[in-house]
């Protein structure tokens, strides 16, 4: 029988992270606090970079864009997950599922490309300091950021088109808390062998390729600085250390999930929490706790909104330095 004669699935049922009511309430509290931290932390970074002239270097321009992408990426999955944790029936319409899939890959792949650009920025700043301002000009930064978004769109639209051309006639249960390519296409009423390999070649190789470029850039940085570390170089390496932590939290789970066609594990949905929730939470903490300029800018912004006396200011500054 032709697949067009089947009734088309109109909605999917998400199983979520747990079916235990007490655990669902606990997870709701944890993820609500995490999502709040993502929004507040990344918005603080964006405001600090946009309002402080001292944070006008290419590194902070890219960091501002990373914070915006983190907000977008988390907002694709977190609000829906929070609602489902308090709902008994976790249903999402077919069109909403496809839209979530599209925007997740759009923001996620754009972040991969942006992290790669940030690694190139650090490589240029450390290994080619005399040419840094010429290479990473404002125009060049805008071109690189727009290219990241364009690359993310091309990747996402490819994944989406490969998904919607499949027939879906049942079952309609997804063992996850959001719609992603792999769990969705396995519900298709057709042989998805070729499609899964195409998607693995797309998503998996993009993740692996960007990760290898990042590792290569940091290797070149370490090799170029071998035996001639100054105070400025140590500061740059400290920034690179923060970047490595962000890259590890984001890329390793993505490579594990998307570079495995025709293979899934029950714990995959828990690994997805790392790059959809945990990594965006850690990014503001990593970049602010290890960056004196951003901390000082945030402190100046706080003093503007909450005027305090000089004595209290000094005490507060001392406490801030002690905490960080």
C-alpha atoms as a PDB file:
ATOM      1  CA  UNK A   1       0.000   0.000   0.000  1.00  0.00           C
ATOM      2  CA  UNK A   2       1.367   3.487  -0.831  1.00  0.00           C
ATOM      3  CA  UNK A   3       2.316   5.511   2.200  1.00  0.00           C
ATOM      4  CA  UNK A   4       0.094   8.338   1.076  1.00  0.00           C
ATOM      5  CA  UNK A   5      -2.964   6.205   1.928  1.00  0.00           C
ATOM      6  CA  UNK A   6      -2.031   6.132   5.631  1.00  0.00           C
ATOM      7  CA  UNK A   7      -3.464   8.657   8.079  1.00  0.00           C
ATOM      8  CA  UNK A   8      -0.778  11.213   8.878  1.00  0.00           C
ATOM      9  CA  UNK A   9       0.366  11.749  12.458  1.00  0.00           C
ATOM     10  CA  UNK A  10      -0.931  15.081  13.772  1.00  0.00           C
ATOM     11  CA  UNK A  11       0.899  15.121  17.108  1.00  0.00           C
ATOM     12  CA  UNK A  12       3.735  13.471  19.017  1.00  0.00           C
ATOM     13  CA  UNK A  13       3.785  12.386  22.664  1.00  0.00           C
ATOM     14  CA  UNK A  14       6.955  13.275  24.570  1.00  0.00           C
ATOM     15  CA  UNK A  15       7.838  10.882  27.380  1.00  0.00           C
ATOM     16  CA  UNK A  16      10.051  13.466  29.065  1.00  0.00           C
ATOM     17  CA  UNK A  17      12.805  12.802  31.586  1.00  0.00           C
ATOM     18  CA  UNK A  18      10.669  11.014  34.181  1.00  0.00           C
ATOM     19  CA  UNK A  19       7.143   9.712  34.781  1.00  0.00           C
ATOM     20  CA  UNK A  20       7.378   9.990  38.577  1.00  0.00           C
ATOM     21  CA  UNK A  21       5.397  12.957  39.876  1.00  0.00           C
ATOM     22  CA  UNK A  22       7.729  13.777  42.788  1.00  0.00           C
ATOM     23  CA  UNK A  23      10.789  13.658  40.533  1.00  0.00           C
ATOM     24  CA  UNK A  24       9.035  15.802  37.934  1.00  0.00           C
ATOM     25  CA  UNK A  25       8.453  18.530  40.533  1.00  0.00           C
ATOM     26  CA  UNK A  26      12.099  18.360  41.588  1.00  0.00           C
ATOM     27  CA  UNK A  27      13.279  18.535  37.965  1.00  0.00           C
ATOM     28  CA  UNK A  28      10.943  21.466  37.310  1.00  0.00           C
ATOM     29  CA  UNK A  29      12.524  23.399  40.187  1.00  0.00           C
ATOM     30  CA  UNK A  30      16.070  22.611  39.043  1.00  0.00           C
ATOM     31  CA  UNK A  31      15.486  23.432  35.379  1.00  0.00           C
ATOM     32  CA  UNK A  32      13.447  26.532  36.159  1.00  0.00           C
ATOM     33  CA  UNK A  33      16.361  27.893  38.198  1.00  0.00           C
ATOM     34  CA  UNK A  34      18.785  26.834  35.456  1.00  0.00           C
ATOM     35  CA  UNK A  35      16.748  28.556  32.727  1.00  0.00           C
ATOM     36  CA  UNK A  36      16.507  31.694  34.865  1.00  0.00           C
ATOM     37  CA  UNK A  37      20.296  31.654  35.280  1.00  0.00           C
ATOM     38  CA  UNK A  38      20.727  31.278  31.516  1.00  0.00           C
ATOM     39  CA  UNK A  39      18.517  34.290  30.819  1.00  0.00           C
ATOM     40  CA  UNK A  40      19.908  36.552  33.542  1.00  0.00           C
ATOM     41  CA  UNK A  41      23.557  35.567  33.126  1.00  0.00           C
ATOM     42  CA  UNK A  42      23.661  35.928  29.362  1.00  0.00           C
ATOM     43  CA  UNK A  43      21.566  39.115  29.390  1.00  0.00           C
ATOM     44  CA  UNK A  44      24.023  40.629  31.887  1.00  0.00           C
ATOM     45  CA  UNK A  45      26.906  39.812  29.555  1.00  0.00           C
ATOM     46  CA  UNK A  46      25.081  41.317  26.567  1.00  0.00           C
ATOM     47  CA  UNK A  47      24.250  44.507  28.482  1.00  0.00           C
ATOM     48  CA  UNK A  48      27.805  44.800  29.826  1.00  0.00           C
ATOM     49  CA  UNK A  49      29.396  44.397  26.397  1.00  0.00           C
ATOM     50  CA  UNK A  50      26.939  46.705  24.642  1.00  0.00           C
ATOM     51  CA  UNK A  51      27.148  49.526  27.198  1.00  0.00           C
ATOM     52  CA  UNK A  52      30.830  49.511  28.218  1.00  0.00           C
ATOM     53  CA  UNK A  53      33.263  51.052  25.678  1.00  0.00           C
ATOM     54  CA  UNK A  54      36.103  49.138  27.351  1.00  0.00           C
ATOM     55  CA  UNK A  55      34.555  45.899  26.109  1.00  0.00           C
ATOM     56  CA  UNK A  56      34.675  46.776  22.435  1.00  0.00           C
ATOM     57  CA  UNK A  57      37.323  44.278  21.315  1.00  0.00           C
ATOM     58  CA  UNK A  58      36.451  41.470  18.863  1.00  0.00           C
ATOM     59  CA  UNK A  59      36.616  38.895  21.682  1.00  0.00           C
ATOM     60  CA  UNK A  60      33.788  40.600  23.592  1.00  0.00           C
ATOM     61  CA  UNK A  61      31.808  41.176  20.414  1.00  0.00           C
ATOM     62  CA  UNK A  62      31.903  37.426  19.773  1.00  0.00           C
ATOM     63  CA  UNK A  63      31.140  36.711  23.429  1.00  0.00           C
ATOM     64  CA  UNK A  64      28.050  38.923  23.194  1.00  0.00           C
ATOM     65  CA  UNK A  65      26.852  36.934  20.193  1.00  0.00           C
ATOM     66  CA  UNK A  66      27.551  33.664  22.011  1.00  0.00           C
ATOM     67  CA  UNK A  67      25.359  34.814  24.894  1.00  0.00           C
ATOM     68  CA  UNK A  68      22.542  35.658  22.484  1.00  0.00           C
ATOM     69  CA  UNK A  69      22.785  32.238  20.807  1.00  0.00           C
ATOM     70  CA  UNK A  70      22.793  30.523  24.205  1.00  0.00           C
ATOM     71  CA  UNK A  71      19.533  32.265  25.084  1.00  0.00           C
ATOM     72  CA  UNK A  72      18.008  31.222  21.755  1.00  0.00           C
ATOM     73  CA  UNK A  73      19.226  27.620  21.989  1.00  0.00           C
ATOM     74  CA  UNK A  74      17.937  27.086  25.531  1.00  0.00           C
ATOM     75  CA  UNK A  75      14.639  28.858  24.845  1.00  0.00           C
ATOM     76  CA  UNK A  76      13.848  26.354  22.104  1.00  0.00           C
ATOM     77  CA  UNK A  77      13.647  23.436  24.560  1.00  0.00           C
ATOM     78  CA  UNK A  78      13.481  24.700  28.170  1.00  0.00           C
ATOM     79  CA  UNK A  79      10.039  26.431  28.244  1.00  0.00           C
ATOM     80  CA  UNK A  80       8.356  23.440  26.613  1.00  0.00           C
ATOM     81  CA  UNK A  81      10.129  21.048  28.991  1.00  0.00           C
ATOM     82  CA  UNK A  82       9.062  23.083  32.039  1.00  0.00           C
ATOM     83  CA  UNK A  83       5.417  23.026  30.928  1.00  0.00           C
ATOM     84  CA  UNK A  84       5.540  19.283  30.251  1.00  0.00           C
ATOM     85  CA  UNK A  85       7.042  18.563  33.675  1.00  0.00           C
ATOM     86  CA  UNK A  86       3.810  19.901  35.215  1.00  0.00           C
ATOM     87  CA  UNK A  87       1.497  18.308  32.628  1.00  0.00           C
ATOM     88  CA  UNK A  88       0.084  14.814  32.600  1.00  0.00           C
ATOM     89  CA  UNK A  89      -0.201  14.593  28.810  1.00  0.00           C
ATOM     90  CA  UNK A  90       2.928  15.814  27.048  1.00  0.00           C
ATOM     91  CA  UNK A  91       1.723  16.269  23.484  1.00  0.00           C
ATOM     92  CA  UNK A  92       3.178  18.490  20.779  1.00  0.00           C
ATOM     93  CA  UNK A  93       1.566  19.035  17.384  1.00  0.00           C
ATOM     94  CA  UNK A  94       3.426  17.852  14.295  1.00  0.00           C
ATOM     95  CA  UNK A  95       4.125  21.380  13.055  1.00  0.00           C
ATOM     96  CA  UNK A  96       5.373  22.460  16.483  1.00  0.00           C
ATOM     97  CA  UNK A  97       7.672  19.454  16.636  1.00  0.00           C
ATOM     98  CA  UNK A  98       9.189  20.251  13.259  1.00  0.00           C
ATOM     99  CA  UNK A  99       9.579  23.919  14.237  1.00  0.00           C
ATOM    100  CA  UNK A 100      11.377  22.934  17.455  1.00  0.00           C
ATOM    101  CA  UNK A 101      13.650  20.626  15.493  1.00  0.00           C
ATOM    102  CA  UNK A 102      14.465  23.389  12.996  1.00  0.00           C
ATOM    103  CA  UNK A 103      15.246  26.129  15.528  1.00  0.00           C
ATOM    104  CA  UNK A 104      17.244  23.792  17.775  1.00  0.00           C
ATOM    105  CA  UNK A 105      19.580  22.836  14.942  1.00  0.00           C
ATOM    106  CA  UNK A 106      19.638  26.416  13.662  1.00  0.00           C
ATOM    107  CA  UNK A 107      20.834  27.820  16.992  1.00  0.00           C
ATOM    108  CA  UNK A 108      22.962  24.795  17.902  1.00  0.00           C
ATOM    109  CA  UNK A 109      24.944  24.640  14.671  1.00  0.00           C
ATOM    110  CA  UNK A 110      25.341  28.446  14.644  1.00  0.00           C
ATOM    111  CA  UNK A 111      26.889  28.140  18.107  1.00  0.00           C
ATOM    112  CA  UNK A 112      29.291  25.474  16.858  1.00  0.00           C
ATOM    113  CA  UNK A 113      30.469  27.740  14.061  1.00  0.00           C
ATOM    114  CA  UNK A 114      30.723  30.717  16.432  1.00  0.00           C
ATOM    115  CA  UNK A 115      32.834  28.786  18.937  1.00  0.00           C
ATOM    116  CA  UNK A 116      35.144  27.900  16.056  1.00  0.00           C
ATOM    117  CA  UNK A 117      35.382  31.576  15.111  1.00  0.00           C
ATOM    118  CA  UNK A 118      36.161  32.455  18.737  1.00  0.00           C
ATOM    119  CA  UNK A 119      39.017  29.937  18.680  1.00  0.00           C
ATOM    120  CA  UNK A 120      40.339  31.588  15.514  1.00  0.00           C
ATOM    121  CA  UNK A 121      40.081  34.969  17.238  1.00  0.00           C
ATOM    122  CA  UNK A 122      42.218  33.717  20.162  1.00  0.00           C
ATOM    123  CA  UNK A 123      44.712  32.130  17.757  1.00  0.00           C
ATOM    124  CA  UNK A 124      45.063  35.407  15.873  1.00  0.00           C
ATOM    125  CA  UNK A 125      45.378  37.480  19.069  1.00  0.00           C
ATOM    126  CA  UNK A 126      48.102  35.259  20.530  1.00  0.00           C
ATOM    127  CA  UNK A 127      50.029  34.054  17.487  1.00  0.00           C
ATOM    128  CA  UNK A 128      49.675  37.130  15.240  1.00  0.00           C
ATOM    129  CA  UNK A 129      49.300  40.076  17.647  1.00  0.00           C
ATOM    130  CA  UNK A 130      50.722  42.668  15.232  1.00  0.00           C
ATOM    131  CA  UNK A 131      48.114  41.827  12.595  1.00  0.00           C
ATOM    132  CA  UNK A 132      45.236  41.170  15.000  1.00  0.00           C
ATOM    133  CA  UNK A 133      43.386  44.490  14.607  1.00  0.00           C
ATOM    134  CA  UNK A 134      43.611  44.265  10.820  1.00  0.00           C
ATOM    135  CA  UNK A 135      42.498  40.632  10.618  1.00  0.00           C
ATOM    136  CA  UNK A 136      39.719  40.885  13.217  1.00  0.00           C
ATOM    137  CA  UNK A 137      38.322  44.249  12.200  1.00  0.00           C
ATOM    138  CA  UNK A 138      34.739  45.202  13.015  1.00  0.00           C
ATOM    139  CA  UNK A 139      33.703  44.436   9.435  1.00  0.00           C
ATOM    140  CA  UNK A 140      35.443  41.055   9.527  1.00  0.00           C
ATOM    141  CA  UNK A 141      33.715  40.200  12.814  1.00  0.00           C
ATOM    142  CA  UNK A 142      30.293  40.981  11.379  1.00  0.00           C
ATOM    143  CA  UNK A 143      31.026  38.892   8.280  1.00  0.00           C
ATOM    144  CA  UNK A 144      32.150  35.954  10.429  1.00  0.00           C
ATOM    145  CA  UNK A 145      29.111  36.150  12.718  1.00  0.00           C
ATOM    146  CA  UNK A 146      26.684  36.411   9.782  1.00  0.00           C
ATOM    147  CA  UNK A 147      28.441  33.454   8.171  1.00  0.00           C
ATOM    148  CA  UNK A 148      27.873  31.451  11.365  1.00  0.00           C
ATOM    149  CA  UNK A 149      24.139  32.176  11.237  1.00  0.00           C
ATOM    150  CA  UNK A 150      23.997  31.429   7.496  1.00  0.00           C
ATOM    151  CA  UNK A 151      25.820  28.126   7.998  1.00  0.00           C
ATOM    152  CA  UNK A 152      23.461  27.251  10.843  1.00  0.00           C
ATOM    153  CA  UNK A 153      20.439  27.988   8.675  1.00  0.00           C
ATOM    154  CA  UNK A 154      21.699  25.843   5.783  1.00  0.00           C
ATOM    155  CA  UNK A 155      22.424  22.956   8.134  1.00  0.00           C
ATOM    156  CA  UNK A 156      19.051  23.239   9.867  1.00  0.00           C
ATOM    157  CA  UNK A 157      16.963  23.562   6.719  1.00  0.00           C
ATOM    158  CA  UNK A 158      18.697  20.476   5.308  1.00  0.00           C
ATOM    159  CA  UNK A 159      17.862  18.461   8.428  1.00  0.00           C
ATOM    160  CA  UNK A 160      14.280  19.701   8.402  1.00  0.00           C
ATOM    161  CA  UNK A 161      13.667  18.919   4.727  1.00  0.00           C
ATOM    162  CA  UNK A 162      15.074  15.414   5.167  1.00  0.00           C
ATOM    163  CA  UNK A 163      12.649  14.921   8.065  1.00  0.00           C
ATOM    164  CA  UNK A 164       9.400  16.281   6.644  1.00  0.00           C
ATOM    165  CA  UNK A 165       9.694  14.307   3.404  1.00  0.00           C
ATOM    166  CA  UNK A 166       9.263  11.091   5.424  1.00  0.00           C
ATOM    167  CA  UNK A 167       5.802   9.538   5.995  1.00  0.00           C
ATOM    168  CA  UNK A 168       4.579   9.532   9.613  1.00  0.00           C
ATOM    169  CA  UNK A 169       1.588   7.269  10.221  1.00  0.00           C
ATOM    170  CA  UNK A 170       2.312   5.949  13.729  1.00  0.00           C
ATOM    171  CA  UNK A 171       3.593   5.312  16.352  1.00  0.00           C
ATOM    172  CA  UNK A 172       3.937   8.833  17.696  1.00  0.00           C
ATOM    173  CA  UNK A 173       5.786   8.451  21.032  1.00  0.00           C
ATOM    174  CA  UNK A 174       9.187  10.164  21.426  1.00  0.00           C
ATOM    175  CA  UNK A 175      11.387   9.013  24.295  1.00  0.00           C
ATOM    176  CA  UNK A 176      12.785  12.478  24.996  1.00  0.00           C
ATOM    177  CA  UNK A 177      11.778  15.896  26.314  1.00  0.00           C
ATOM    178  CA  UNK A 178      12.079  17.643  22.940  1.00  0.00           C
ATOM    179  CA  UNK A 179      11.850  16.913  19.230  1.00  0.00           C
ATOM    180  CA  UNK A 180      15.155  16.060  17.634  1.00  0.00           C
ATOM    181  CA  UNK A 181      16.051  14.550  14.292  1.00  0.00           C
ATOM    182  CA  UNK A 182      17.037  11.048  15.392  1.00  0.00           C
ATOM    183  CA  UNK A 183      14.059  10.151  17.627  1.00  0.00           C
ATOM    184  CA  UNK A 184      11.599  11.706  15.163  1.00  0.00           C
ATOM    185  CA  UNK A 185      12.740   9.990  11.957  1.00  0.00           C
ATOM    186  CA  UNK A 186      12.695   6.600  13.707  1.00  0.00           C
ATOM    187  CA  UNK A 187       8.909   6.984  13.891  1.00  0.00           C
ATOM    188  CA  UNK A 188       8.601   7.225  10.100  1.00  0.00           C
ATOM    189  CA  UNK A 189       6.675   4.559   8.201  1.00  0.00           C
ATOM    190  CA  UNK A 190       9.552   3.990   5.801  1.00  0.00           C
ATOM    191  CA  UNK A 191      13.108   2.727   5.598  1.00  0.00           C
ATOM    192  CA  UNK A 192      15.237   5.516   7.102  1.00  0.00           C
ATOM    193  CA  UNK A 193      18.646   3.875   6.607  1.00  0.00           C
ATOM    194  CA  UNK A 194      19.846   6.326   3.958  1.00  0.00           C
ATOM    195  CA  UNK A 195      18.253   9.314   5.704  1.00  0.00           C
ATOM    196  CA  UNK A 196      19.970   8.530   9.004  1.00  0.00           C
ATOM    197  CA  UNK A 197      23.347   8.246   7.325  1.00  0.00           C
ATOM    198  CA  UNK A 198      22.800  11.533   5.510  1.00  0.00           C
ATOM    199  CA  UNK A 199      21.853  13.246   8.762  1.00  0.00           C
ATOM    200  CA  UNK A 200      24.826  11.751  10.594  1.00  0.00           C
ATOM    201  CA  UNK A 201      27.064  12.995   7.802  1.00  0.00           C
ATOM    202  CA  UNK A 202      25.519  16.439   8.206  1.00  0.00           C
ATOM    203  CA  UNK A 203      25.217  16.901  11.981  1.00  0.00           C
ATOM    204  CA  UNK A 204      27.911  14.503  13.166  1.00  0.00           C
ATOM    205  CA  UNK A 205      30.612  15.597  10.767  1.00  0.00           C
ATOM    206  CA  UNK A 206      29.901  19.276  11.410  1.00  0.00           C
ATOM    207  CA  UNK A 207      30.303  18.675  15.154  1.00  0.00           C
ATOM    208  CA  UNK A 208      33.438  16.586  14.715  1.00  0.00           C
ATOM    209  CA  UNK A 209      34.941  18.905  12.085  1.00  0.00           C
ATOM    210  CA  UNK A 210      34.468  22.046  14.186  1.00  0.00           C
ATOM    211  CA  UNK A 211      35.843  20.255  17.240  1.00  0.00           C
ATOM    212  CA  UNK A 212      38.980  19.160  15.366  1.00  0.00           C
ATOM    213  CA  UNK A 213      39.526  22.704  14.112  1.00  0.00           C
ATOM    214  CA  UNK A 214      39.217  23.966  17.686  1.00  0.00           C
ATOM    215  CA  UNK A 215      41.673  21.393  19.008  1.00  0.00           C
ATOM    216  CA  UNK A 216      44.109  22.258  16.208  1.00  0.00           C
ATOM    217  CA  UNK A 217      43.909  25.979  16.951  1.00  0.00           C
ATOM    218  CA  UNK A 218      44.642  25.488  20.648  1.00  0.00           C
ATOM    219  CA  UNK A 219      47.489  23.121  19.811  1.00  0.00           C
ATOM    220  CA  UNK A 220      49.031  25.765  17.556  1.00  0.00           C
ATOM    221  CA  UNK A 221      48.632  28.335  20.340  1.00  0.00           C
ATOM    222  CA  UNK A 222      50.449  26.134  22.857  1.00  0.00           C
ATOM    223  CA  UNK A 223      53.209  25.324  20.391  1.00  0.00           C
ATOM    224  CA  UNK A 224      53.738  28.975  19.445  1.00  0.00           C
ATOM    225  CA  UNK A 225      53.934  30.065  23.107  1.00  0.00           C
ATOM    226  CA  UNK A 226      56.251  27.294  24.240  1.00  0.00           C
ATOM    227  CA  UNK A 227      59.078  28.718  26.304  1.00  0.00           C
ATOM    228  CA  UNK A 228      58.138  32.407  25.928  1.00  0.00           C
ATOM    229  CA  UNK A 229      55.184  33.013  28.218  1.00  0.00           C
ATOM    230  CA  UNK A 230      54.749  36.578  29.446  1.00  0.00           C
ATOM    231  CA  UNK A 231      52.086  38.018  31.721  1.00  0.00           C
ATOM    232  CA  UNK A 232      49.970  38.949  28.709  1.00  0.00           C
ATOM    233  CA  UNK A 233      50.325  35.476  27.273  1.00  0.00           C
ATOM    234  CA  UNK A 234      49.241  33.909  30.564  1.00  0.00           C
ATOM    235  CA  UNK A 235      46.140  36.111  30.509  1.00  0.00           C
ATOM    236  CA  UNK A 236      45.363  35.030  26.950  1.00  0.00           C
ATOM    237  CA  UNK A 237      45.876  31.380  27.862  1.00  0.00           C
ATOM    238  CA  UNK A 238      43.490  31.836  30.794  1.00  0.00           C
ATOM    239  CA  UNK A 239      40.840  33.028  28.349  1.00  0.00           C
ATOM    240  CA  UNK A 240      41.589  30.032  26.127  1.00  0.00           C
ATOM    241  CA  UNK A 241      41.187  27.765  29.149  1.00  0.00           C
ATOM    242  CA  UNK A 242      37.669  29.086  29.659  1.00  0.00           C
ATOM    243  CA  UNK A 243      36.961  28.537  25.986  1.00  0.00           C
ATOM    244  CA  UNK A 244      38.186  24.928  26.173  1.00  0.00           C
ATOM    245  CA  UNK A 245      35.763  24.205  29.031  1.00  0.00           C
ATOM    246  CA  UNK A 246      32.852  25.657  27.011  1.00  0.00           C
ATOM    247  CA  UNK A 247      33.881  23.678  23.928  1.00  0.00           C
ATOM    248  CA  UNK A 248      34.160  20.427  25.871  1.00  0.00           C
ATOM    249  CA  UNK A 249      30.740  20.835  27.504  1.00  0.00           C
ATOM    250  CA  UNK A 250      29.092  21.595  24.173  1.00  0.00           C
ATOM    251  CA  UNK A 251      30.876  19.523  21.531  1.00  0.00           C
ATOM    252  CA  UNK A 252      31.540  16.198  23.249  1.00  0.00           C
ATOM    253  CA  UNK A 253      27.826  15.432  23.936  1.00  0.00           C
ATOM    254  CA  UNK A 254      26.879  16.586  20.421  1.00  0.00           C
ATOM    255  CA  UNK A 255      29.477  14.334  18.815  1.00  0.00           C
ATOM    256  CA  UNK A 256      28.295  11.400  20.931  1.00  0.00           C
ATOM    257  CA  UNK A 257      24.640  11.956  20.004  1.00  0.00           C
ATOM    258  CA  UNK A 258      24.824  12.866  16.314  1.00  0.00           C
ATOM    259  CA  UNK A 259      27.742  10.788  15.048  1.00  0.00           C
ATOM    260  CA  UNK A 260      25.877   7.501  15.645  1.00  0.00           C
ATOM    261  CA  UNK A 261      23.446   6.647  12.821  1.00  0.00           C
ATOM    262  CA  UNK A 262      21.129   3.668  13.384  1.00  0.00           C
ATOM    263  CA  UNK A 263      22.021   3.580  17.079  1.00  0.00           C
ATOM    264  CA  UNK A 264      20.322   5.046  20.166  1.00  0.00           C
ATOM    265  CA  UNK A 265      20.624   4.477  23.907  1.00  0.00           C
ATOM    266  CA  UNK A 266      17.996   5.007  26.638  1.00  0.00           C
ATOM    267  CA  UNK A 267      20.224   7.582  28.359  1.00  0.00           C
ATOM    268  CA  UNK A 268      20.639   9.770  25.242  1.00  0.00           C
ATOM    269  CA  UNK A 269      17.992  12.219  26.482  1.00  0.00           C
ATOM    270  CA  UNK A 270      19.940  12.798  29.693  1.00  0.00           C
ATOM    271  CA  UNK A 271      23.110  13.534  27.726  1.00  0.00           C
ATOM    272  CA  UNK A 272      21.137  16.080  25.686  1.00  0.00           C
ATOM    273  CA  UNK A 273      20.538  18.023  28.919  1.00  0.00           C
ATOM    274  CA  UNK A 274      24.272  18.847  28.963  1.00  0.00           C
ATOM    275  CA  UNK A 275      24.293  20.872  25.737  1.00  0.00           C
ATOM    276  CA  UNK A 276      20.712  22.196  25.847  1.00  0.00           C
ATOM    277  CA  UNK A 277      20.641  23.326  29.504  1.00  0.00           C
ATOM    278  CA  UNK A 278      23.869  22.781  31.420  1.00  0.00           C
ATOM    279  CA  UNK A 279      26.308  24.277  28.901  1.00  0.00           C
ATOM    280  CA  UNK A 280      24.349  27.567  28.480  1.00  0.00           C
ATOM    281  CA  UNK A 281      24.196  27.842  32.292  1.00  0.00           C
ATOM    282  CA  UNK A 282      27.958  27.415  32.609  1.00  0.00           C
ATOM    283  CA  UNK A 283      28.940  29.811  29.820  1.00  0.00           C
ATOM    284  CA  UNK A 284      28.162  33.055  31.733  1.00  0.00           C
ATOM    285  CA  UNK A 285      29.799  31.678  34.898  1.00  0.00           C
ATOM    286  CA  UNK A 286      32.948  30.575  33.082  1.00  0.00           C
ATOM    287  CA  UNK A 287      33.383  33.769  31.100  1.00  0.00           C
ATOM    288  CA  UNK A 288      32.605  36.150  33.996  1.00  0.00           C
ATOM    289  CA  UNK A 289      34.330  34.386  36.876  1.00  0.00           C
ATOM    290  CA  UNK A 290      37.576  34.180  34.877  1.00  0.00           C
ATOM    291  CA  UNK A 291      37.384  37.593  33.213  1.00  0.00           C
ATOM    292  CA  UNK A 292      38.253  40.674  35.234  1.00  0.00           C
ATOM    293  CA  UNK A 293      37.059  43.183  32.608  1.00  0.00           C
ATOM    294  CA  UNK A 294      33.567  41.674  32.437  1.00  0.00           C
ATOM    295  CA  UNK A 295      33.290  41.516  36.235  1.00  0.00           C
ATOM    296  CA  UNK A 296      34.328  45.157  36.580  1.00  0.00           C
ATOM    297  CA  UNK A 297      31.858  46.203  33.880  1.00  0.00           C
ATOM    298  CA  UNK A 298      29.045  44.346  35.642  1.00  0.00           C
ATOM    299  CA  UNK A 299      30.031  45.980  38.937  1.00  0.00           C
ATOM    300  CA  UNK A 300      29.910  49.444  37.352  1.00  0.00           C
ATOM    301  CA  UNK A 301      26.475  48.642  35.902  1.00  0.00           C
ATOM    302  CA  UNK A 302      25.273  47.543  39.338  1.00  0.00           C
ATOM    303  CA  UNK A 303      26.459  50.831  40.847  1.00  0.00           C
ATOM    304  CA  UNK A 304      24.503  52.759  38.218  1.00  0.00           C
ATOM    305  CA  UNK A 305      21.256  50.968  39.007  1.00  0.00           C
ATOM    306  CA  UNK A 306      21.869  50.674  42.768  1.00  0.00           C
ATOM    307  CA  UNK A 307      23.645  53.858  43.968  1.00  0.00           C
ATOM    308  CA  UNK A 308      25.662  53.251  47.151  1.00  0.00           C
ATOM    309  CA  UNK A 309      28.053  55.264  49.249  1.00  0.00           C
ATOM    310  CA  UNK A 310      31.787  55.153  48.645  1.00  0.00           C
ATOM    311  CA  UNK A 311      32.397  53.189  51.843  1.00  0.00           C
ATOM    312  CA  UNK A 312      29.793  50.596  50.917  1.00  0.00           C
ATOM    313  CA  UNK A 313      31.173  50.564  47.400  1.00  0.00           C
ATOM    314  CA  UNK A 314      34.632  49.723  48.659  1.00  0.00           C
ATOM    315  CA  UNK A 315      33.259  47.038  50.935  1.00  0.00           C
ATOM    316  CA  UNK A 316      31.174  45.616  48.132  1.00  0.00           C
ATOM    317  CA  UNK A 317      34.125  45.686  45.776  1.00  0.00           C
ATOM    318  CA  UNK A 318      36.191  43.850  48.325  1.00  0.00           C
ATOM    319  CA  UNK A 319      33.524  41.213  48.715  1.00  0.00           C
ATOM    320  CA  UNK A 320      33.266  40.909  44.946  1.00  0.00           C
ATOM    321  CA  UNK A 321      37.001  40.365  44.609  1.00  0.00           C
ATOM    322  CA  UNK A 322      36.903  37.813  47.419  1.00  0.00           C
ATOM    323  CA  UNK A 323      34.096  35.890  45.737  1.00  0.00           C
ATOM    324  CA  UNK A 324      35.737  35.917  42.331  1.00  0.00           C
END
